């Protein structure tokens, strides 16, 4: 399904190219200078289209990664956190002596480190979920912009008998397409930066749980 839908989006891009070329061909010769200038500007718009297309990833694939971080990483680690707490109670109830005391003293740092890793995993899961949602919005915005452009080009071709020819209406559609792509790509960038900042804050806030950047050790003496 994903491949089919993305293929349809690509076909829409191809159709937009074809219609633009047809508009340029149908524009009266006395406006060739305007066509040349429009073609030059349109090169930048096509580059925007290509960059947006290259950036597209099917959101479902990203949501799957988010789910794996949550279920396959954060979930099992959460169980380990509970196991450490249970071990603490077992030591208190059934084990005594210097080794037991040393081990019991070390358990809180182990639990804190595990909780930090759990937070990392949950934060990554959320980041991927946010990425998937942003990618869905990018895909929707991209398709909407292309459809609007195609409609504008079809309308431009319908004005072939006017003095200005179809190129003027087509230029308006191209400008709208460029503005729309700039917005949807900017929104994606902002959301990804927000997720990156949140992940960085999580890592920095938990740095004390890993002395010298390493997992806390247990010394029984």
C-alpha atoms as a PDB file:
ATOM      1  CA  UNK A   1       0.000   0.000   0.000  1.00  0.00           C
ATOM      2  CA  UNK A   2       2.758   2.446   0.957  1.00  0.00           C
ATOM      3  CA  UNK A   3       4.676   1.828  -2.263  1.00  0.00           C
ATOM      4  CA  UNK A   4       1.508   2.244  -4.313  1.00  0.00           C
ATOM      5  CA  UNK A   5       0.610   5.555  -2.697  1.00  0.00           C
ATOM      6  CA  UNK A   6       4.136   6.920  -3.046  1.00  0.00           C
ATOM      7  CA  UNK A   7       4.120   5.816  -6.675  1.00  0.00           C
ATOM      8  CA  UNK A   8       0.932   7.803  -7.192  1.00  0.00           C
ATOM      9  CA  UNK A   9       2.603  10.857  -5.667  1.00  0.00           C
ATOM     10  CA  UNK A  10       5.501  10.418  -8.074  1.00  0.00           C
ATOM     11  CA  UNK A  11       3.060  10.143 -10.975  1.00  0.00           C
ATOM     12  CA  UNK A  12       1.555  13.442  -9.833  1.00  0.00           C
ATOM     13  CA  UNK A  13       4.997  15.047 -10.016  1.00  0.00           C
ATOM     14  CA  UNK A  14       5.487  13.684 -13.533  1.00  0.00           C
ATOM     15  CA  UNK A  15       2.067  15.011 -14.546  1.00  0.00           C
ATOM     16  CA  UNK A  16       2.935  18.453 -13.205  1.00  0.00           C
ATOM     17  CA  UNK A  17       6.120  18.453 -15.325  1.00  0.00           C
ATOM     18  CA  UNK A  18       4.160  17.479 -18.408  1.00  0.00           C
ATOM     19  CA  UNK A  19       1.533  20.171 -17.907  1.00  0.00           C
ATOM     20  CA  UNK A  20       4.170  22.841 -17.292  1.00  0.00           C
ATOM     21  CA  UNK A  21       5.961  21.901 -20.501  1.00  0.00           C
ATOM     22  CA  UNK A  22       2.639  22.035 -22.362  1.00  0.00           C
ATOM     23  CA  UNK A  23       1.917  25.495 -20.959  1.00  0.00           C
ATOM     24  CA  UNK A  24       5.293  26.735 -22.200  1.00  0.00           C
ATOM     25  CA  UNK A  25       4.677  25.265 -25.649  1.00  0.00           C
ATOM     26  CA  UNK A  26       1.191  26.793 -25.917  1.00  0.00           C
ATOM     27  CA  UNK A  27       2.243  30.303 -24.858  1.00  0.00           C
ATOM     28  CA  UNK A  28       2.320  32.783 -27.821  1.00  0.00           C
ATOM     29  CA  UNK A  29       5.726  33.440 -29.367  1.00  0.00           C
ATOM     30  CA  UNK A  30       5.665  37.132 -28.439  1.00  0.00           C
ATOM     31  CA  UNK A  31       5.801  36.037 -24.786  1.00  0.00           C
ATOM     32  CA  UNK A  32       8.819  33.787 -25.272  1.00  0.00           C
ATOM     33  CA  UNK A  33      10.891  36.136 -23.127  1.00  0.00           C
ATOM     34  CA  UNK A  34       8.453  35.574 -20.253  1.00  0.00           C
ATOM     35  CA  UNK A  35       8.566  31.823 -20.790  1.00  0.00           C
ATOM     36  CA  UNK A  36      12.370  31.899 -20.617  1.00  0.00           C
ATOM     37  CA  UNK A  37      12.319  33.804 -17.337  1.00  0.00           C
ATOM     38  CA  UNK A  38       9.611  31.553 -15.947  1.00  0.00           C
ATOM     39  CA  UNK A  39      11.561  28.445 -16.931  1.00  0.00           C
ATOM     40  CA  UNK A  40      14.607  29.777 -15.117  1.00  0.00           C
ATOM     41  CA  UNK A  41      12.613  30.363 -11.922  1.00  0.00           C
ATOM     42  CA  UNK A  42      10.804  27.078 -12.347  1.00  0.00           C
ATOM     43  CA  UNK A  43      14.123  25.224 -12.194  1.00  0.00           C
ATOM     44  CA  UNK A  44      14.342  26.288  -8.545  1.00  0.00           C
ATOM     45  CA  UNK A  45      10.777  25.135  -7.887  1.00  0.00           C
ATOM     46  CA  UNK A  46      11.436  21.730  -9.462  1.00  0.00           C
ATOM     47  CA  UNK A  47      14.494  21.460  -7.228  1.00  0.00           C
ATOM     48  CA  UNK A  48      12.259  22.131  -4.209  1.00  0.00           C
ATOM     49  CA  UNK A  49       9.885  19.442  -5.412  1.00  0.00           C
ATOM     50  CA  UNK A  50      12.734  16.961  -5.815  1.00  0.00           C
ATOM     51  CA  UNK A  51      14.208  17.711  -2.392  1.00  0.00           C
ATOM     52  CA  UNK A  52      10.793  17.262  -0.777  1.00  0.00           C
ATOM     53  CA  UNK A  53      10.251  14.010  -2.636  1.00  0.00           C
ATOM     54  CA  UNK A  54      13.675  12.742  -1.570  1.00  0.00           C
ATOM     55  CA  UNK A  55      12.862  13.554   2.055  1.00  0.00           C
ATOM     56  CA  UNK A  56       9.617  11.586   2.084  1.00  0.00           C
ATOM     57  CA  UNK A  57       9.472   8.439   4.193  1.00  0.00           C
ATOM     58  CA  UNK A  58       6.272   6.482   4.631  1.00  0.00           C
ATOM     59  CA  UNK A  59       5.034   7.445   8.150  1.00  0.00           C
ATOM     60  CA  UNK A  60       4.047   3.870   8.978  1.00  0.00           C
ATOM     61  CA  UNK A  61       7.682   2.778   8.806  1.00  0.00           C
ATOM     62  CA  UNK A  62       8.654   5.424  11.353  1.00  0.00           C
ATOM     63  CA  UNK A  63       5.773   4.556  13.650  1.00  0.00           C
ATOM     64  CA  UNK A  64       6.998   0.945  13.591  1.00  0.00           C
ATOM     65  CA  UNK A  65      10.431   2.076  14.826  1.00  0.00           C
ATOM     66  CA  UNK A  66       8.778   4.124  17.576  1.00  0.00           C
ATOM     67  CA  UNK A  67       6.785   1.080  18.629  1.00  0.00           C
ATOM     68  CA  UNK A  68       9.934  -1.060  18.755  1.00  0.00           C
ATOM     69  CA  UNK A  69      11.707   1.437  21.035  1.00  0.00           C
ATOM     70  CA  UNK A  70       8.701   1.417  23.347  1.00  0.00           C
ATOM     71  CA  UNK A  71       7.907  -2.312  23.412  1.00  0.00           C
ATOM     72  CA  UNK A  72      11.288  -3.947  22.780  1.00  0.00           C
ATOM     73  CA  UNK A  73      13.522  -1.575  24.751  1.00  0.00           C
ATOM     74  CA  UNK A  74      11.637   0.583  27.266  1.00  0.00           C
ATOM     75  CA  UNK A  75       9.239  -2.210  28.265  1.00  0.00           C
ATOM     76  CA  UNK A  76      11.873  -4.848  29.166  1.00  0.00           C
ATOM     77  CA  UNK A  77      14.013  -2.254  30.942  1.00  0.00           C
ATOM     78  CA  UNK A  78      11.034  -1.196  33.035  1.00  0.00           C
ATOM     79  CA  UNK A  79      10.761  -4.830  34.160  1.00  0.00           C
ATOM     80  CA  UNK A  80      14.442  -4.778  35.120  1.00  0.00           C
ATOM     81  CA  UNK A  81      13.823  -1.662  37.210  1.00  0.00           C
ATOM     82  CA  UNK A  82      11.118  -3.565  39.066  1.00  0.00           C
ATOM     83  CA  UNK A  83      13.443  -6.535  39.494  1.00  0.00           C
ATOM     84  CA  UNK A  84      16.107  -4.335  41.089  1.00  0.00           C
ATOM     85  CA  UNK A  85      13.531  -2.988  43.526  1.00  0.00           C
ATOM     86  CA  UNK A  86      12.484  -6.536  44.377  1.00  0.00           C
ATOM     87  CA  UNK A  87      16.134  -7.532  44.824  1.00  0.00           C
ATOM     88  CA  UNK A  88      16.571  -4.647  47.261  1.00  0.00           C
ATOM     89  CA  UNK A  89      13.763  -6.027  49.386  1.00  0.00           C
ATOM     90  CA  UNK A  90      15.194  -9.558  49.212  1.00  0.00           C
ATOM     91  CA  UNK A  91      18.626  -8.380  50.381  1.00  0.00           C
ATOM     92  CA  UNK A  92      17.074  -6.453  53.250  1.00  0.00           C
ATOM     93  CA  UNK A  93      15.051  -9.469  54.360  1.00  0.00           C
ATOM     94  CA  UNK A  94      17.373 -12.439  53.798  1.00  0.00           C
ATOM     95  CA  UNK A  95      21.010 -11.311  53.523  1.00  0.00           C
ATOM     96  CA  UNK A  96      23.290  -9.647  56.038  1.00  0.00           C
ATOM     97  CA  UNK A  97      26.929  -8.812  56.464  1.00  0.00           C
ATOM     98  CA  UNK A  98      29.397  -6.438  54.770  1.00  0.00           C
ATOM     99  CA  UNK A  99      28.877  -7.890  51.284  1.00  0.00           C
ATOM    100  CA  UNK A 100      25.125  -7.601  51.638  1.00  0.00           C
ATOM    101  CA  UNK A 101      25.411  -4.006  52.800  1.00  0.00           C
ATOM    102  CA  UNK A 102      27.744  -3.118  49.930  1.00  0.00           C
ATOM    103  CA  UNK A 103      25.437  -4.760  47.427  1.00  0.00           C
ATOM    104  CA  UNK A 104      22.368  -3.057  48.882  1.00  0.00           C
ATOM    105  CA  UNK A 105      24.124   0.307  48.777  1.00  0.00           C
ATOM    106  CA  UNK A 106      24.929  -0.218  45.087  1.00  0.00           C
ATOM    107  CA  UNK A 107      21.392  -1.125  44.018  1.00  0.00           C
ATOM    108  CA  UNK A 108      19.973   2.438  44.005  1.00  0.00           C
ATOM    109  CA  UNK A 109      22.600   3.560  41.477  1.00  0.00           C
ATOM    110  CA  UNK A 110      21.814   0.509  39.318  1.00  0.00           C
ATOM    111  CA  UNK A 111      18.132   1.319  39.474  1.00  0.00           C
ATOM    112  CA  UNK A 112      18.751   4.993  38.628  1.00  0.00           C
ATOM    113  CA  UNK A 113      20.874   4.019  35.614  1.00  0.00           C
ATOM    114  CA  UNK A 114      18.196   1.615  34.387  1.00  0.00           C
ATOM    115  CA  UNK A 115      15.526   4.283  34.779  1.00  0.00           C
ATOM    116  CA  UNK A 116      17.688   6.666  32.754  1.00  0.00           C
ATOM    117  CA  UNK A 117      17.968   4.158  29.918  1.00  0.00           C
ATOM    118  CA  UNK A 118      14.213   3.630  30.104  1.00  0.00           C
ATOM    119  CA  UNK A 119      13.716   7.385  29.797  1.00  0.00           C
ATOM    120  CA  UNK A 120      16.079   7.475  26.806  1.00  0.00           C
ATOM    121  CA  UNK A 121      14.093   4.742  25.100  1.00  0.00           C
ATOM    122  CA  UNK A 122      10.753   6.407  25.811  1.00  0.00           C
ATOM    123  CA  UNK A 123      12.067   9.763  24.632  1.00  0.00           C
ATOM    124  CA  UNK A 124      13.362   8.175  21.426  1.00  0.00           C
ATOM    125  CA  UNK A 125      10.012   6.469  20.939  1.00  0.00           C
ATOM    126  CA  UNK A 126       8.238   9.806  21.338  1.00  0.00           C
ATOM    127  CA  UNK A 127      10.718  11.464  18.973  1.00  0.00           C
ATOM    128  CA  UNK A 128      10.017   8.856  16.305  1.00  0.00           C
ATOM    129  CA  UNK A 129       6.273   9.228  16.866  1.00  0.00           C
ATOM    130  CA  UNK A 130       6.609  12.989  16.436  1.00  0.00           C
ATOM    131  CA  UNK A 131       8.736  12.413  13.329  1.00  0.00           C
ATOM    132  CA  UNK A 132       6.102  10.098  11.859  1.00  0.00           C
ATOM    133  CA  UNK A 133       3.347  12.629  12.525  1.00  0.00           C
ATOM    134  CA  UNK A 134       5.414  15.404  10.979  1.00  0.00           C
ATOM    135  CA  UNK A 135       6.171  13.213   7.967  1.00  0.00           C
ATOM    136  CA  UNK A 136       2.466  12.495   7.554  1.00  0.00           C
ATOM    137  CA  UNK A 137       1.783  16.236   7.559  1.00  0.00           C
ATOM    138  CA  UNK A 138       4.596  16.753   5.053  1.00  0.00           C
ATOM    139  CA  UNK A 139       3.147  14.097   2.779  1.00  0.00           C
ATOM    140  CA  UNK A 140      -0.353  15.566   2.985  1.00  0.00           C
ATOM    141  CA  UNK A 141       0.933  19.099   2.433  1.00  0.00           C
ATOM    142  CA  UNK A 142       3.142  17.996  -0.456  1.00  0.00           C
ATOM    143  CA  UNK A 143       0.296  16.216  -2.232  1.00  0.00           C
ATOM    144  CA  UNK A 144      -2.090  19.132  -1.623  1.00  0.00           C
ATOM    145  CA  UNK A 145       0.444  21.588  -3.064  1.00  0.00           C
ATOM    146  CA  UNK A 146       1.029  19.410  -6.142  1.00  0.00           C
ATOM    147  CA  UNK A 147      -2.691  18.924  -6.737  1.00  0.00           C
ATOM    148  CA  UNK A 148      -3.274  22.684  -6.490  1.00  0.00           C
ATOM    149  CA  UNK A 149      -0.427  23.270  -8.956  1.00  0.00           C
ATOM    150  CA  UNK A 150      -1.800  20.719 -11.421  1.00  0.00           C
ATOM    151  CA  UNK A 151      -5.237  22.333 -11.194  1.00  0.00           C
ATOM    152  CA  UNK A 152      -3.648  25.734 -11.814  1.00  0.00           C
ATOM    153  CA  UNK A 153      -1.828  24.402 -14.879  1.00  0.00           C
ATOM    154  CA  UNK A 154      -4.997  22.817 -16.253  1.00  0.00           C
ATOM    155  CA  UNK A 155      -6.731  26.158 -15.750  1.00  0.00           C
ATOM    156  CA  UNK A 156      -3.839  27.937 -17.423  1.00  0.00           C
ATOM    157  CA  UNK A 157      -4.151  25.737 -20.493  1.00  0.00           C
ATOM    158  CA  UNK A 158      -7.834  26.600 -20.622  1.00  0.00           C
ATOM    159  CA  UNK A 159      -6.873  30.270 -21.025  1.00  0.00           C
ATOM    160  CA  UNK A 160      -4.869  29.601 -24.162  1.00  0.00           C
ATOM    161  CA  UNK A 161      -6.891  32.090 -26.224  1.00  0.00           C
ATOM    162  CA  UNK A 162      -6.248  35.037 -23.906  1.00  0.00           C
ATOM    163  CA  UNK A 163      -3.769  37.803 -24.769  1.00  0.00           C
ATOM    164  CA  UNK A 164      -1.315  36.776 -22.044  1.00  0.00           C
ATOM    165  CA  UNK A 165      -1.634  33.104 -22.852  1.00  0.00           C
ATOM    166  CA  UNK A 166      -1.427  30.344 -20.237  1.00  0.00           C
ATOM    167  CA  UNK A 167       2.002  31.250 -18.888  1.00  0.00           C
ATOM    168  CA  UNK A 168       0.829  34.062 -16.592  1.00  0.00           C
ATOM    169  CA  UNK A 169      -1.672  31.836 -14.769  1.00  0.00           C
ATOM    170  CA  UNK A 170       0.920  29.058 -14.616  1.00  0.00           C
ATOM    171  CA  UNK A 171       3.452  31.379 -12.986  1.00  0.00           C
ATOM    172  CA  UNK A 172       0.936  32.159 -10.255  1.00  0.00           C
ATOM    173  CA  UNK A 173       0.512  28.438  -9.626  1.00  0.00           C
ATOM    174  CA  UNK A 174       4.272  27.939  -9.507  1.00  0.00           C
ATOM    175  CA  UNK A 175       4.684  30.704  -6.922  1.00  0.00           C
ATOM    176  CA  UNK A 176       1.947  29.153  -4.772  1.00  0.00           C
ATOM    177  CA  UNK A 177       3.635  25.744  -5.049  1.00  0.00           C
ATOM    178  CA  UNK A 178       6.971  27.166  -3.934  1.00  0.00           C
ATOM    179  CA  UNK A 179       5.395  28.935  -0.958  1.00  0.00           C
ATOM    180  CA  UNK A 180       3.517  25.790   0.089  1.00  0.00           C
ATOM    181  CA  UNK A 181       6.632  23.603  -0.130  1.00  0.00           C
ATOM    182  CA  UNK A 182       8.662  26.097   1.864  1.00  0.00           C
ATOM    183  CA  UNK A 183       6.032  26.017   4.603  1.00  0.00           C
ATOM    184  CA  UNK A 184       5.610  22.236   4.871  1.00  0.00           C
ATOM    185  CA  UNK A 185       9.374  21.632   4.826  1.00  0.00           C
ATOM    186  CA  UNK A 186       9.908  24.377   7.401  1.00  0.00           C
ATOM    187  CA  UNK A 187       7.272  22.824   9.662  1.00  0.00           C
ATOM    188  CA  UNK A 188       9.033  19.440   9.433  1.00  0.00           C
ATOM    189  CA  UNK A 189      12.393  21.006  10.289  1.00  0.00           C
ATOM    190  CA  UNK A 190      10.948  22.845  13.309  1.00  0.00           C
ATOM    191  CA  UNK A 191       9.312  19.711  14.696  1.00  0.00           C
ATOM    192  CA  UNK A 192      12.446  17.623  14.250  1.00  0.00           C
ATOM    193  CA  UNK A 193      14.516  20.286  15.999  1.00  0.00           C
ATOM    194  CA  UNK A 194      12.046  20.237  18.881  1.00  0.00           C
ATOM    195  CA  UNK A 195      12.390  16.453  19.213  1.00  0.00           C
ATOM    196  CA  UNK A 196      16.195  16.703  19.099  1.00  0.00           C
ATOM    197  CA  UNK A 197      16.183  19.356  21.831  1.00  0.00           C
ATOM    198  CA  UNK A 198      13.952  17.198  24.026  1.00  0.00           C
ATOM    199  CA  UNK A 199      16.244  14.198  23.589  1.00  0.00           C
ATOM    200  CA  UNK A 200      19.283  16.316  24.427  1.00  0.00           C
ATOM    201  CA  UNK A 201      17.622  17.604  27.589  1.00  0.00           C
ATOM    202  CA  UNK A 202      16.845  14.028  28.660  1.00  0.00           C
ATOM    203  CA  UNK A 203      20.434  12.898  28.124  1.00  0.00           C
ATOM    204  CA  UNK A 204      21.900  15.862  29.974  1.00  0.00           C
ATOM    205  CA  UNK A 205      19.472  15.593  32.894  1.00  0.00           C
ATOM    206  CA  UNK A 206      20.424  11.938  33.429  1.00  0.00           C
ATOM    207  CA  UNK A 207      24.187  12.315  33.004  1.00  0.00           C
ATOM    208  CA  UNK A 208      24.822  12.050  36.753  1.00  0.00           C
ATOM    209  CA  UNK A 209      23.472   8.489  36.715  1.00  0.00           C
ATOM    210  CA  UNK A 210      26.557   7.356  34.756  1.00  0.00           C
ATOM    211  CA  UNK A 211      29.777   8.247  36.617  1.00  0.00           C
ATOM    212  CA  UNK A 212      32.495   9.237  34.128  1.00  0.00           C
ATOM    213  CA  UNK A 213      30.104   8.242  31.354  1.00  0.00           C
ATOM    214  CA  UNK A 214      30.089   4.596  32.447  1.00  0.00           C
ATOM    215  CA  UNK A 215      27.582   2.210  33.972  1.00  0.00           C
ATOM    216  CA  UNK A 216      27.780   2.336  37.811  1.00  0.00           C
ATOM    217  CA  UNK A 217      29.804  -0.551  39.183  1.00  0.00           C
ATOM    218  CA  UNK A 218      28.979  -2.893  42.044  1.00  0.00           C
ATOM    219  CA  UNK A 219      31.853  -3.632  44.436  1.00  0.00           C
ATOM    220  CA  UNK A 220      31.170  -6.197  47.152  1.00  0.00           C
ATOM    221  CA  UNK A 221      34.441  -5.533  48.930  1.00  0.00           C
END
